[in-house]
Amino acid sequence: GVLGFLILVAMTSLLRKREMALDSSSFHFIFGLCTRKESPCDVYDAIGKDSVYCFFLSSNFTAWVLAIAVLVAQALCFVFFIQAASLDFGAEKDWVYKFMCPRDNDNCTDTSDVNERGWIYFVILLVVHLTRDMVNGLKLVWGAPRYGLSRKSFQVLFGGIFLFSTTALALYSSVVYNVAVSRSNIELIFNTVILLFVTDLDEKLYETLHV
């Protein structure tokens, strides 16, 4: 689903280049960042010049192996959290039941202490940490067709797809795991920070390679 959506964005960008220029200045402003001609520096800034994801723009085989290794490691971590949050009565999972129902009473008690303030902090953490990568991933996919049928175009396209997909997976796993497990504001924030740390593995490896 995510891959199809990103390919659709790239195709839309390619078709849009063949259309007549828009007369409305407001539309020019909205699409300004997407339609302007990007320099290589802009592409590196979008994918993360301090991240091993920038290796996707390289032609070096070893660089691609490192980037893919980090990508797979991040994806597996998020999948582990998603699987642990699944409600499966036949296996041991991390799911924590929200309600406690005594056998001698028909009334169930809500044991969760998570309130609106906790969810507000949760949303703020996700928005601040993930929005930039999601937007940059879409910008890369949108801008890839401007390089034509070239190696550069495919590098930018795959880089954008990988960046957006990993960020979307981080968002999904954060929501699913916290809904299933977090029963206090502290747990909610703690679990969110742990999951968001996984999204920084690409930057941490990049820093390690430059030590």
N, C-alpha and C. Protein backbone atom coordinates (compact mmCIF):
# COMPACT_ATOMS: atom_id res chain seq x y z
N GLY A 1 0.81 -1.19 0.00
CA GLY A 1 0.00 0.00 0.00
C GLY A 1 0.85 1.26 0.00
N VAL A 2 1.85 1.33 0.89
CA VAL A 2 2.72 2.50 0.95
C VAL A 2 3.54 2.62 -0.32
N LEU A 3 4.07 1.49 -0.82
CA LEU A 3 4.87 1.51 -2.03
C LEU A 3 4.05 1.98 -3.22
N GLY A 4 2.81 1.48 -3.32
CA GLY A 4 1.94 1.92 -4.40
C GLY A 4 1.64 3.40 -4.33
N PHE A 5 1.45 3.90 -3.11
CA PHE A 5 1.17 5.33 -2.93
C PHE A 5 2.35 6.18 -3.39
N LEU A 6 3.57 5.76 -3.04
CA LEU A 6 4.76 6.52 -3.41
C LEU A 6 4.99 6.49 -4.92
N ILE A 7 4.76 5.34 -5.54
CA ILE A 7 4.89 5.26 -6.99
C ILE A 7 3.86 6.15 -7.67
N LEU A 8 2.65 6.21 -7.09
CA LEU A 8 1.62 7.09 -7.62
C LEU A 8 2.05 8.55 -7.54
N VAL A 9 2.71 8.91 -6.44
CA VAL A 9 3.20 10.29 -6.30
C VAL A 9 4.21 10.60 -7.39
N ALA A 10 5.13 9.66 -7.65
CA ALA A 10 6.14 9.87 -8.69
C ALA A 10 5.51 10.00 -10.07
N MET A 11 4.51 9.16 -10.37
CA MET A 11 3.84 9.22 -11.66
C MET A 11 3.07 10.52 -11.81
N THR A 12 2.44 10.96 -10.73
CA THR A 12 1.71 12.23 -10.77
C THR A 12 2.64 13.39 -11.04
N SER A 13 3.82 13.34 -10.43
CA SER A 13 4.81 14.40 -10.66
C SER A 13 5.25 14.43 -12.12
N LEU A 14 5.46 13.23 -12.71
CA LEU A 14 5.89 13.15 -14.10
C LEU A 14 4.82 13.68 -15.04
N LEU A 15 3.54 13.33 -14.78
CA LEU A 15 2.46 13.81 -15.62
C LEU A 15 2.23 15.30 -15.46
N ARG A 16 2.44 15.78 -14.25
CA ARG A 16 2.18 17.18 -13.98
C ARG A 16 3.14 18.08 -14.75
N LYS A 17 4.35 17.59 -15.02
CA LYS A 17 5.33 18.38 -15.76
C LYS A 17 4.89 18.64 -17.19
N ARG A 18 3.98 17.82 -17.70
CA ARG A 18 3.52 17.98 -19.07
C ARG A 18 2.30 18.89 -19.19
N GLU A 19 1.75 19.26 -18.04
CA GLU A 19 0.58 20.11 -18.05
C GLU A 19 0.97 21.57 -18.20
N MET A 20 0.02 22.40 -18.51
CA MET A 20 0.26 23.83 -18.64
C MET A 20 0.57 24.43 -17.28
N ALA A 21 1.36 25.50 -17.27
CA ALA A 21 1.72 26.15 -16.00
C ALA A 21 0.48 26.74 -15.37
N LEU A 22 0.41 26.64 -14.04
CA LEU A 22 -0.73 27.17 -13.31
C LEU A 22 -0.65 28.68 -13.24
N ASP A 23 -1.79 29.36 -13.39
CA ASP A 23 -1.82 30.82 -13.34
C ASP A 23 -1.96 31.35 -11.93
N SER A 24 -2.51 30.54 -11.04
CA SER A 24 -2.76 31.00 -9.68
C SER A 24 -1.47 31.06 -8.89
N SER A 25 -1.18 32.24 -8.30
CA SER A 25 0.05 32.39 -7.52
C SER A 25 0.03 31.55 -6.26
N SER A 26 -1.16 31.28 -5.72
CA SER A 26 -1.26 30.46 -4.51
C SER A 26 -0.82 29.04 -4.78
N PHE A 27 -1.17 28.50 -5.97
CA PHE A 27 -0.73 27.15 -6.30
C PHE A 27 0.78 27.12 -6.52
N HIS A 28 1.31 28.18 -7.11
CA HIS A 28 2.76 28.24 -7.29
C HIS A 28 3.47 28.23 -5.95
N PHE A 29 2.88 28.90 -4.97
CA PHE A 29 3.49 28.93 -3.64
C PHE A 29 3.46 27.56 -2.98
N ILE A 30 2.32 26.87 -3.11
CA ILE A 30 2.16 25.55 -2.48
C ILE A 30 3.13 24.54 -3.07
N PHE A 31 3.26 24.56 -4.39
CA PHE A 31 4.11 23.57 -5.05
C PHE A 31 5.53 24.07 -5.27
N GLY A 32 5.85 25.21 -4.65
CA GLY A 32 7.16 25.81 -4.88
C GLY A 32 8.32 24.90 -4.56
N LEU A 33 8.26 24.24 -3.40
CA LEU A 33 9.36 23.38 -2.98
C LEU A 33 9.47 22.14 -3.85
N CYS A 34 8.36 21.72 -4.45
CA CYS A 34 8.37 20.49 -5.24
C CYS A 34 8.77 20.74 -6.69
N THR A 35 8.47 21.93 -7.23
CA THR A 35 8.68 22.16 -8.64
C THR A 35 10.01 22.83 -8.94
N ARG A 36 10.65 23.42 -7.94
CA ARG A 36 11.91 24.08 -8.23
C ARG A 36 12.98 23.04 -8.53
N LYS A 37 13.91 23.41 -9.35
CA LYS A 37 14.97 22.48 -9.76
C LYS A 37 15.92 22.26 -8.60
N GLU A 38 16.05 21.01 -8.16
CA GLU A 38 16.89 20.70 -7.02
C GLU A 38 18.33 20.52 -7.44
N SER A 39 19.22 21.02 -6.63
CA SER A 39 20.64 20.76 -6.82
C SER A 39 20.99 19.50 -6.05
N PRO A 40 22.14 18.88 -6.34
CA PRO A 40 22.54 17.71 -5.56
C PRO A 40 22.57 17.97 -4.06
N CYS A 41 22.95 19.22 -3.68
CA CYS A 41 22.98 19.55 -2.26
C CYS A 41 21.61 19.44 -1.63
N ASP A 42 20.57 19.89 -2.37
CA ASP A 42 19.21 19.81 -1.86
C ASP A 42 18.77 18.37 -1.67
N VAL A 43 19.16 17.50 -2.59
CA VAL A 43 18.80 16.09 -2.50
C VAL A 43 19.45 15.46 -1.27
N TYR A 44 20.72 15.76 -1.05
CA TYR A 44 21.41 15.22 0.12
C TYR A 44 20.82 15.75 1.41
N ASP A 45 20.42 17.01 1.41
CA ASP A 45 19.80 17.58 2.61
C ASP A 45 18.46 16.90 2.89
N ALA A 46 17.71 16.59 1.83
CA ALA A 46 16.39 15.98 2.00
C ALA A 46 16.49 14.56 2.53
N ILE A 47 17.40 13.78 1.98
CA ILE A 47 17.50 12.38 2.41
C ILE A 47 18.28 12.26 3.72
N GLY A 48 19.06 13.31 4.04
CA GLY A 48 19.81 13.31 5.29
C GLY A 48 21.30 13.21 5.04
N LYS A 49 21.96 14.36 5.00
CA LYS A 49 23.39 14.35 4.72
C LYS A 49 24.20 13.80 5.89
N ASP A 50 23.59 13.69 7.06
CA ASP A 50 24.25 13.09 8.23
C ASP A 50 23.69 11.71 8.53
N SER A 51 23.16 11.06 7.51
CA SER A 51 22.55 9.74 7.65
C SER A 51 23.11 8.80 6.59
N VAL A 52 23.18 7.51 6.92
CA VAL A 52 23.65 6.55 5.92
C VAL A 52 22.66 6.40 4.78
N TYR A 53 21.47 6.96 4.91
CA TYR A 53 20.53 6.95 3.80
C TYR A 53 21.07 7.72 2.59
N CYS A 54 21.97 8.66 2.84
CA CYS A 54 22.56 9.39 1.71
C CYS A 54 23.42 8.46 0.85
N PHE A 55 23.76 7.28 1.39
CA PHE A 55 24.53 6.30 0.60
C PHE A 55 23.70 5.77 -0.56
N PHE A 56 22.36 5.89 -0.48
CA PHE A 56 21.53 5.47 -1.60
C PHE A 56 21.79 6.33 -2.84
N LEU A 57 22.35 7.50 -2.65
CA LEU A 57 22.68 8.39 -3.77
C LEU A 57 24.07 8.10 -4.32
N SER A 58 24.74 7.13 -3.73
CA SER A 58 26.09 6.76 -4.15
C SER A 58 26.05 5.60 -5.13
N SER A 59 27.11 5.46 -5.88
CA SER A 59 27.25 4.33 -6.80
C SER A 59 28.14 3.24 -6.22
N ASN A 60 28.55 3.43 -4.96
CA ASN A 60 29.43 2.47 -4.31
C ASN A 60 28.63 1.31 -3.74
N PHE A 61 29.04 0.09 -4.05
CA PHE A 61 28.31 -1.10 -3.61
C PHE A 61 28.32 -1.23 -2.09
N THR A 62 29.48 -0.99 -1.47
CA THR A 62 29.58 -1.10 -0.02
C THR A 62 28.67 -0.11 0.68
N ALA A 63 28.59 1.10 0.13
CA ALA A 63 27.72 2.11 0.72
C ALA A 63 26.26 1.66 0.68
N TRP A 64 25.84 1.06 -0.43
CA TRP A 64 24.47 0.56 -0.53
C TRP A 64 24.21 -0.57 0.46
N VAL A 65 25.20 -1.45 0.63
CA VAL A 65 25.05 -2.56 1.58
C VAL A 65 24.84 -2.02 3.00
N LEU A 66 25.62 -1.02 3.38
CA LEU A 66 25.48 -0.43 4.71
C LEU A 66 24.11 0.23 4.88
N ALA A 67 23.68 0.95 3.88
CA ALA A 67 22.39 1.63 3.96
C ALA A 67 21.24 0.63 4.05
N ILE A 68 21.30 -0.42 3.24
CA ILE A 68 20.24 -1.43 3.27
C ILE A 68 20.27 -2.19 4.59
N ALA A 69 21.45 -2.45 5.13
CA ALA A 69 21.56 -3.16 6.41
C ALA A 69 20.88 -2.37 7.52
N VAL A 70 21.10 -1.07 7.57
CA VAL A 70 20.46 -0.23 8.58
C VAL A 70 18.95 -0.20 8.35
N LEU A 71 18.55 -0.10 7.09
CA LEU A 71 17.13 -0.08 6.76
C LEU A 71 16.43 -1.34 7.24
N VAL A 72 17.05 -2.49 6.99
CA VAL A 72 16.47 -3.77 7.41
C VAL A 72 16.44 -3.87 8.93
N ALA A 73 17.51 -3.42 9.58
CA ALA A 73 17.56 -3.48 11.05
C ALA A 73 16.44 -2.63 11.66
N GLN A 74 16.22 -1.44 11.12
CA GLN A 74 15.14 -0.59 11.62
C GLN A 74 13.77 -1.23 11.39
N ALA A 75 13.58 -1.76 10.19
CA ALA A 75 12.29 -2.39 9.87
C ALA A 75 12.01 -3.57 10.79
N LEU A 76 13.02 -4.41 11.04
CA LEU A 76 12.84 -5.57 11.91
C LEU A 76 12.51 -5.14 13.33
N CYS A 77 13.16 -4.10 13.83
CA CYS A 77 12.85 -3.60 15.18
C CYS A 77 11.40 -3.18 15.28
N PHE A 78 10.94 -2.43 14.29
CA PHE A 78 9.55 -1.98 14.32
C PHE A 78 8.58 -3.16 14.20
N VAL A 79 8.93 -4.14 13.39
CA VAL A 79 8.07 -5.33 13.24
C VAL A 79 8.01 -6.10 14.56
N PHE A 80 9.11 -6.17 15.29
CA PHE A 80 9.11 -6.85 16.59
C PHE A 80 8.12 -6.18 17.54
N PHE A 81 8.11 -4.85 17.56
CA PHE A 81 7.18 -4.13 18.43
C PHE A 81 5.74 -4.33 17.98
N ILE A 82 5.52 -4.34 16.68
CA ILE A 82 4.16 -4.53 16.16
C ILE A 82 3.65 -5.92 16.51
N GLN A 83 4.49 -6.93 16.34
CA GLN A 83 4.10 -8.30 16.68
C GLN A 83 3.86 -8.46 18.17
N ALA A 84 4.68 -7.80 18.98
CA ALA A 84 4.51 -7.90 20.43
C ALA A 84 3.21 -7.25 20.88
N ALA A 85 2.71 -6.30 20.11
CA ALA A 85 1.49 -5.59 20.47
C ALA A 85 0.23 -6.26 19.94
N SER A 86 0.39 -7.32 19.17
CA SER A 86 -0.78 -8.00 18.62
C SER A 86 -1.51 -8.79 19.70
N LEU A 87 -2.81 -8.83 19.59
CA LEU A 87 -3.63 -9.56 20.57
C LEU A 87 -3.79 -10.99 20.10
N ASP A 88 -2.96 -11.86 20.63
CA ASP A 88 -2.96 -13.27 20.25
C ASP A 88 -3.07 -14.10 21.52
N PHE A 89 -4.21 -14.74 21.71
CA PHE A 89 -4.44 -15.51 22.93
C PHE A 89 -3.62 -16.78 22.98
N GLY A 90 -3.07 -17.20 21.84
CA GLY A 90 -2.31 -18.44 21.82
C GLY A 90 -0.82 -18.26 22.01
N ALA A 91 -0.38 -17.00 22.19
CA ALA A 91 1.05 -16.74 22.36
C ALA A 91 1.25 -15.67 23.43
N GLU A 92 2.46 -15.63 23.96
CA GLU A 92 2.77 -14.64 24.99
C GLU A 92 3.12 -13.31 24.34
N LYS A 93 2.32 -12.30 24.58
CA LYS A 93 2.52 -10.99 23.99
C LYS A 93 2.63 -9.93 25.08
N ASP A 94 2.97 -8.71 24.65
CA ASP A 94 3.13 -7.61 25.61
C ASP A 94 1.82 -6.90 25.90
N TRP A 95 0.76 -7.30 25.25
CA TRP A 95 -0.53 -6.63 25.40
C TRP A 95 -0.94 -6.59 26.88
N VAL A 96 -1.32 -5.38 27.33
CA VAL A 96 -1.78 -5.19 28.70
C VAL A 96 -3.26 -4.82 28.67
N TYR A 97 -4.07 -5.62 29.36
CA TYR A 97 -5.50 -5.36 29.34
C TYR A 97 -5.83 -4.08 30.10
N LYS A 98 -6.69 -3.30 29.49
CA LYS A 98 -7.03 -1.99 30.06
C LYS A 98 -8.06 -2.09 31.17
N PHE A 99 -8.92 -3.07 31.09
CA PHE A 99 -10.00 -3.20 32.07
C PHE A 99 -9.80 -4.43 32.95
N MET A 100 -10.16 -4.28 34.21
CA MET A 100 -10.11 -5.38 35.16
C MET A 100 -11.55 -5.71 35.57
N CYS A 101 -11.93 -6.96 35.34
CA CYS A 101 -13.31 -7.37 35.61
C CYS A 101 -13.32 -8.50 36.65
N PRO A 102 -13.65 -8.20 37.89
CA PRO A 102 -13.71 -9.24 38.93
C PRO A 102 -14.78 -10.28 38.61
N ARG A 103 -14.53 -11.50 39.06
CA ARG A 103 -15.49 -12.57 38.79
C ARG A 103 -16.80 -12.40 39.54
N ASP A 104 -16.73 -11.74 40.69
CA ASP A 104 -17.93 -11.58 41.50
C ASP A 104 -18.62 -10.23 41.31
N ASN A 105 -18.23 -9.52 40.22
CA ASN A 105 -18.81 -8.19 39.99
C ASN A 105 -18.99 -7.98 38.50
N ASP A 106 -20.13 -7.41 38.14
CA ASP A 106 -20.40 -7.15 36.72
C ASP A 106 -19.74 -5.88 36.22
N ASN A 107 -19.25 -5.05 37.11
CA ASN A 107 -18.65 -3.78 36.73
C ASN A 107 -17.14 -3.94 36.54
N CYS A 108 -16.65 -3.48 35.40
CA CYS A 108 -15.22 -3.55 35.09
C CYS A 108 -14.56 -2.21 35.41
N THR A 109 -13.32 -2.27 35.87
CA THR A 109 -12.58 -1.08 36.26
C THR A 109 -11.52 -0.75 35.23
N ASP A 110 -11.49 0.51 34.83
CA ASP A 110 -10.47 0.98 33.89
C ASP A 110 -9.17 1.23 34.66
N THR A 111 -8.13 0.44 34.37
CA THR A 111 -6.87 0.53 35.10
C THR A 111 -5.86 1.45 34.42
N SER A 112 -6.20 2.04 33.30
CA SER A 112 -5.27 2.90 32.57
C SER A 112 -5.25 4.31 33.17
N ASP A 113 -4.06 4.83 33.38
CA ASP A 113 -3.89 6.19 33.89
C ASP A 113 -3.49 7.17 32.79
N VAL A 114 -3.49 6.71 31.55
CA VAL A 114 -3.15 7.60 30.44
C VAL A 114 -4.28 8.59 30.23
N ASN A 115 -3.95 9.87 30.20
CA ASN A 115 -4.96 10.90 30.00
C ASN A 115 -4.64 11.74 28.77
N GLU A 116 -5.40 12.82 28.59
CA GLU A 116 -5.24 13.66 27.42
C GLU A 116 -3.84 14.28 27.34
N ARG A 117 -3.29 14.64 28.49
CA ARG A 117 -1.96 15.25 28.50
C ARG A 117 -0.91 14.29 27.98
N GLY A 118 -1.03 13.03 28.36
CA GLY A 118 -0.08 12.04 27.87
C GLY A 118 -0.14 11.88 26.37
N TRP A 119 -1.36 11.83 25.83
CA TRP A 119 -1.50 11.68 24.38
C TRP A 119 -1.06 12.94 23.64
N ILE A 120 -1.20 14.10 24.25
CA ILE A 120 -0.72 15.34 23.63
C ILE A 120 0.80 15.30 23.50
N TYR A 121 1.48 14.89 24.57
CA TYR A 121 2.94 14.75 24.51
C TYR A 121 3.33 13.71 23.46
N PHE A 122 2.57 12.65 23.40
CA PHE A 122 2.82 11.59 22.42
C PHE A 122 2.76 12.14 21.00
N VAL A 123 1.72 12.90 20.70
CA VAL A 123 1.55 13.48 19.36
C VAL A 123 2.67 14.47 19.07
N ILE A 124 3.02 15.30 20.05
CA ILE A 124 4.08 16.28 19.85
C ILE A 124 5.40 15.60 19.52
N LEU A 125 5.73 14.53 20.24
CA LEU A 125 6.96 13.81 19.99
C LEU A 125 7.00 13.24 18.57
N LEU A 126 5.89 12.66 18.14
CA LEU A 126 5.85 12.07 16.79
C LEU A 126 5.93 13.13 15.71
N VAL A 127 5.18 14.21 15.89
CA VAL A 127 5.16 15.27 14.88
C VAL A 127 6.54 15.91 14.74
N VAL A 128 7.15 16.24 15.87
CA VAL A 128 8.46 16.90 15.83
C VAL A 128 9.53 15.98 15.25
N HIS A 129 9.45 14.70 15.58
CA HIS A 129 10.52 13.78 15.21
C HIS A 129 10.34 13.18 13.81
N LEU A 130 9.11 13.00 13.36
CA LEU A 130 8.88 12.24 12.12
C LEU A 130 8.44 13.08 10.93
N THR A 131 7.88 14.25 11.17
CA THR A 131 7.31 15.03 10.07
C THR A 131 8.35 15.37 9.01
N ARG A 132 9.52 15.79 9.44
CA ARG A 132 10.56 16.19 8.48
C ARG A 132 10.92 15.06 7.54
N ASP A 133 11.13 13.85 8.08
CA ASP A 133 11.51 12.72 7.23
C ASP A 133 10.38 12.31 6.30
N MET A 134 9.15 12.36 6.77
CA MET A 134 8.03 11.98 5.91
C MET A 134 7.87 12.97 4.76
N VAL A 135 7.97 14.26 5.05
CA VAL A 135 7.86 15.28 4.01
C VAL A 135 9.02 15.18 3.03
N ASN A 136 10.23 15.01 3.54
CA ASN A 136 11.40 14.89 2.65
C ASN A 136 11.33 13.63 1.80
N GLY A 137 10.81 12.54 2.36
CA GLY A 137 10.64 11.32 1.57
C GLY A 137 9.70 11.54 0.40
N LEU A 138 8.58 12.23 0.65
CA LEU A 138 7.64 12.54 -0.42
C LEU A 138 8.24 13.49 -1.45
N LYS A 139 9.03 14.46 -0.98
CA LYS A 139 9.67 15.40 -1.89
C LYS A 139 10.65 14.69 -2.82
N LEU A 140 11.38 13.72 -2.28
CA LEU A 140 12.33 12.97 -3.10
C LEU A 140 11.60 12.14 -4.15
N VAL A 141 10.51 11.48 -3.74
CA VAL A 141 9.73 10.68 -4.69
C VAL A 141 9.12 11.58 -5.76
N TRP A 142 8.61 12.73 -5.32
CA TRP A 142 7.98 13.66 -6.25
C TRP A 142 9.01 14.22 -7.24
N GLY A 143 10.21 14.49 -6.75
CA GLY A 143 11.21 15.12 -7.60
C GLY A 143 12.03 14.17 -8.43
N ALA A 144 11.92 12.86 -8.19
CA ALA A 144 12.75 11.89 -8.93
C ALA A 144 12.54 11.95 -10.44
N PRO A 145 11.29 12.09 -10.96
CA PRO A 145 11.10 12.07 -12.41
C PRO A 145 11.78 13.21 -13.15
N ARG A 146 12.16 14.27 -12.46
CA ARG A 146 12.79 15.38 -13.17
C ARG A 146 14.18 15.03 -13.69
N TYR A 147 14.74 13.92 -13.19
CA TYR A 147 16.05 13.48 -13.68
C TYR A 147 15.92 12.54 -14.87
N GLY A 148 14.67 12.31 -15.32
CA GLY A 148 14.46 11.44 -16.47
C GLY A 148 14.74 9.99 -16.14
N LEU A 149 14.90 9.19 -17.19
CA LEU A 149 15.21 7.77 -17.00
C LEU A 149 16.72 7.61 -16.85
N SER A 150 17.20 7.94 -15.68
CA SER A 150 18.63 7.88 -15.41
C SER A 150 18.87 7.18 -14.08
N ARG A 151 20.12 6.85 -13.85
CA ARG A 151 20.48 6.21 -12.58
C ARG A 151 20.20 7.14 -11.41
N LYS A 152 20.44 8.43 -11.62
CA LYS A 152 20.17 9.42 -10.58
C LYS A 152 18.70 9.41 -10.19
N SER A 153 17.82 9.29 -11.17
CA SER A 153 16.38 9.28 -10.90
C SER A 153 16.00 8.10 -10.02
N PHE A 154 16.51 6.92 -10.34
CA PHE A 154 16.18 5.74 -9.55
C PHE A 154 16.79 5.81 -8.15
N GLN A 155 17.97 6.39 -8.03
CA GLN A 155 18.57 6.53 -6.71
C GLN A 155 17.74 7.45 -5.82
N VAL A 156 17.32 8.57 -6.38
CA VAL A 156 16.49 9.51 -5.62
C VAL A 156 15.14 8.89 -5.29
N LEU A 157 14.55 8.16 -6.26
CA LEU A 157 13.25 7.53 -6.06
C LEU A 157 13.32 6.50 -4.93
N PHE A 158 14.29 5.59 -5.00
CA PHE A 158 14.40 4.56 -3.97
C PHE A 158 14.76 5.16 -2.62
N GLY A 159 15.61 6.18 -2.63
CA GLY A 159 15.94 6.86 -1.38
C GLY A 159 14.72 7.46 -0.72
N GLY A 160 13.86 8.09 -1.53
CA GLY A 160 12.62 8.67 -1.00
C GLY A 160 11.66 7.61 -0.50
N ILE A 161 11.54 6.52 -1.24
CA ILE A 161 10.64 5.43 -0.84
C ILE A 161 11.11 4.83 0.49
N PHE A 162 12.40 4.57 0.60
CA PHE A 162 12.93 3.97 1.83
C PHE A 162 12.76 4.92 3.01
N LEU A 163 13.04 6.19 2.80
CA LEU A 163 12.93 7.17 3.89
C LEU A 163 11.48 7.30 4.36
N PHE A 164 10.55 7.42 3.42
CA PHE A 164 9.14 7.56 3.79
C PHE A 164 8.61 6.28 4.43
N SER A 165 8.95 5.13 3.87
CA SER A 165 8.43 3.86 4.37
C SER A 165 8.90 3.59 5.79
N THR A 166 10.18 3.84 6.07
CA THR A 166 10.70 3.62 7.41
C THR A 166 10.03 4.55 8.42
N THR A 167 9.83 5.80 8.02
CA THR A 167 9.18 6.77 8.92
C THR A 167 7.72 6.39 9.15
N ALA A 168 7.03 5.95 8.10
CA ALA A 168 5.64 5.53 8.25
C ALA A 168 5.53 4.31 9.15
N LEU A 169 6.49 3.39 9.04
CA LEU A 169 6.50 2.21 9.89
C LEU A 169 6.76 2.60 11.34
N ALA A 170 7.62 3.58 11.55
CA ALA A 170 7.88 4.07 12.91
C ALA A 170 6.61 4.68 13.51
N LEU A 171 5.88 5.44 12.72
CA LEU A 171 4.63 6.04 13.18
C LEU A 171 3.60 4.97 13.54
N TYR A 172 3.45 3.99 12.66
CA TYR A 172 2.46 2.93 12.89
C TYR A 172 2.80 2.11 14.12
N SER A 173 4.07 1.71 14.26
CA SER A 173 4.46 0.88 15.40
C SER A 173 4.33 1.66 16.71
N SER A 174 4.61 2.96 16.68
CA SER A 174 4.48 3.78 17.90
C SER A 174 3.04 3.82 18.36
N VAL A 175 2.12 3.99 17.43
CA VAL A 175 0.69 4.06 17.78
C VAL A 175 0.20 2.70 18.27
N VAL A 176 0.48 1.65 17.51
CA VAL A 176 -0.02 0.32 17.84
C VAL A 176 0.53 -0.17 19.17
N TYR A 177 1.84 -0.02 19.37
CA TYR A 177 2.45 -0.54 20.59
C TYR A 177 1.97 0.21 21.83
N ASN A 178 1.86 1.52 21.73
CA ASN A 178 1.44 2.29 22.89
C ASN A 178 -0.03 2.06 23.24
N VAL A 179 -0.86 1.87 22.24
CA VAL A 179 -2.27 1.56 22.51
C VAL A 179 -2.38 0.22 23.23
N ALA A 180 -1.52 -0.71 22.87
CA ALA A 180 -1.59 -2.06 23.44
C ALA A 180 -0.93 -2.17 24.81
N VAL A 181 0.09 -1.38 25.07
CA VAL A 181 0.93 -1.60 26.24
C VAL A 181 0.87 -0.47 27.27
N SER A 182 0.91 0.76 26.82
CA SER A 182 1.05 1.89 27.75
C SER A 182 -0.20 2.09 28.58
N ARG A 183 -0.03 2.08 29.89
CA ARG A 183 -1.16 2.28 30.81
C ARG A 183 -0.91 3.44 31.78
N SER A 184 0.12 4.25 31.48
CA SER A 184 0.37 5.47 32.23
C SER A 184 1.09 6.45 31.32
N ASN A 185 1.07 7.72 31.68
CA ASN A 185 1.72 8.73 30.86
C ASN A 185 3.22 8.49 30.76
N ILE A 186 3.82 8.03 31.85
CA ILE A 186 5.26 7.76 31.84
C ILE A 186 5.58 6.62 30.87
N GLU A 187 4.80 5.55 30.91
CA GLU A 187 5.01 4.44 29.99
C GLU A 187 4.81 4.89 28.55
N LEU A 188 3.82 5.73 28.33
CA LEU A 188 3.53 6.22 26.98
C LEU A 188 4.72 6.99 26.42
N ILE A 189 5.26 7.90 27.20
CA ILE A 189 6.39 8.70 26.74
C ILE A 189 7.65 7.84 26.61
N PHE A 190 7.86 6.95 27.58
CA PHE A 190 9.04 6.09 27.56
C PHE A 190 9.06 5.20 26.32
N ASN A 191 7.94 4.53 26.05
CA ASN A 191 7.87 3.65 24.89
C ASN A 191 8.04 4.43 23.59
N THR A 192 7.49 5.62 23.53
CA THR A 192 7.61 6.44 22.32
C THR A 192 9.05 6.83 22.06
N VAL A 193 9.75 7.24 23.12
CA VAL A 193 11.16 7.63 22.97
C VAL A 193 12.01 6.46 22.51
N ILE A 194 11.74 5.27 23.05
CA ILE A 194 12.49 4.07 22.65
C ILE A 194 12.28 3.79 21.16
N LEU A 195 11.04 3.85 20.71
CA LEU A 195 10.75 3.58 19.31
C LEU A 195 11.35 4.64 18.40
N LEU A 196 11.30 5.90 18.83
CA LEU A 196 11.86 6.97 18.01
C LEU A 196 13.38 6.87 17.94
N PHE A 197 13.99 6.30 18.97
CA PHE A 197 15.45 6.11 18.93
C PHE A 197 15.85 5.18 17.79
N VAL A 198 15.00 4.22 17.48
CA VAL A 198 15.30 3.29 16.38
C VAL A 198 15.42 4.05 15.06
N THR A 199 14.64 5.11 14.90
CA THR A 199 14.70 5.89 13.66
C THR A 199 16.02 6.64 13.52
N ASP A 200 16.78 6.75 14.60
CA ASP A 200 18.06 7.46 14.56
C ASP A 200 19.24 6.54 14.30
N LEU A 201 18.99 5.24 14.09
CA LEU A 201 20.09 4.31 13.87
C LEU A 201 20.91 4.68 12.65
N ASP A 202 20.25 5.18 11.60
CA ASP A 202 20.98 5.55 10.39
C ASP A 202 21.95 6.71 10.65
N GLU A 203 21.53 7.66 11.48
CA GLU A 203 22.41 8.78 11.81
C GLU A 203 23.53 8.33 12.76
N LYS A 204 23.21 7.44 13.69
CA LYS A 204 24.23 6.96 14.62
C LYS A 204 25.32 6.17 13.90
N LEU A 205 24.92 5.35 12.92
CA LEU A 205 25.92 4.61 12.16
C LEU A 205 26.79 5.56 11.35
N TYR A 206 26.18 6.59 10.78
CA TYR A 206 26.93 7.57 10.01
C TYR A 206 27.98 8.25 10.90
N GLU A 207 27.57 8.61 12.12
CA GLU A 207 28.51 9.23 13.06
C GLU A 207 29.64 8.25 13.42
N THR A 208 29.27 6.97 13.58
CA THR A 208 30.28 5.97 13.94
C THR A 208 31.32 5.80 12.83
N LEU A 209 30.87 5.84 11.59
CA LEU A 209 31.79 5.68 10.46
C LEU A 209 32.75 6.86 10.32
N HIS A 210 32.39 7.98 10.94
CA HIS A 210 33.24 9.17 10.84
C HIS A 210 34.08 9.38 12.11
N VAL A 211 34.07 8.41 13.00
CA VAL A 211 34.89 8.55 14.21
C VAL A 211 36.37 8.37 13.86
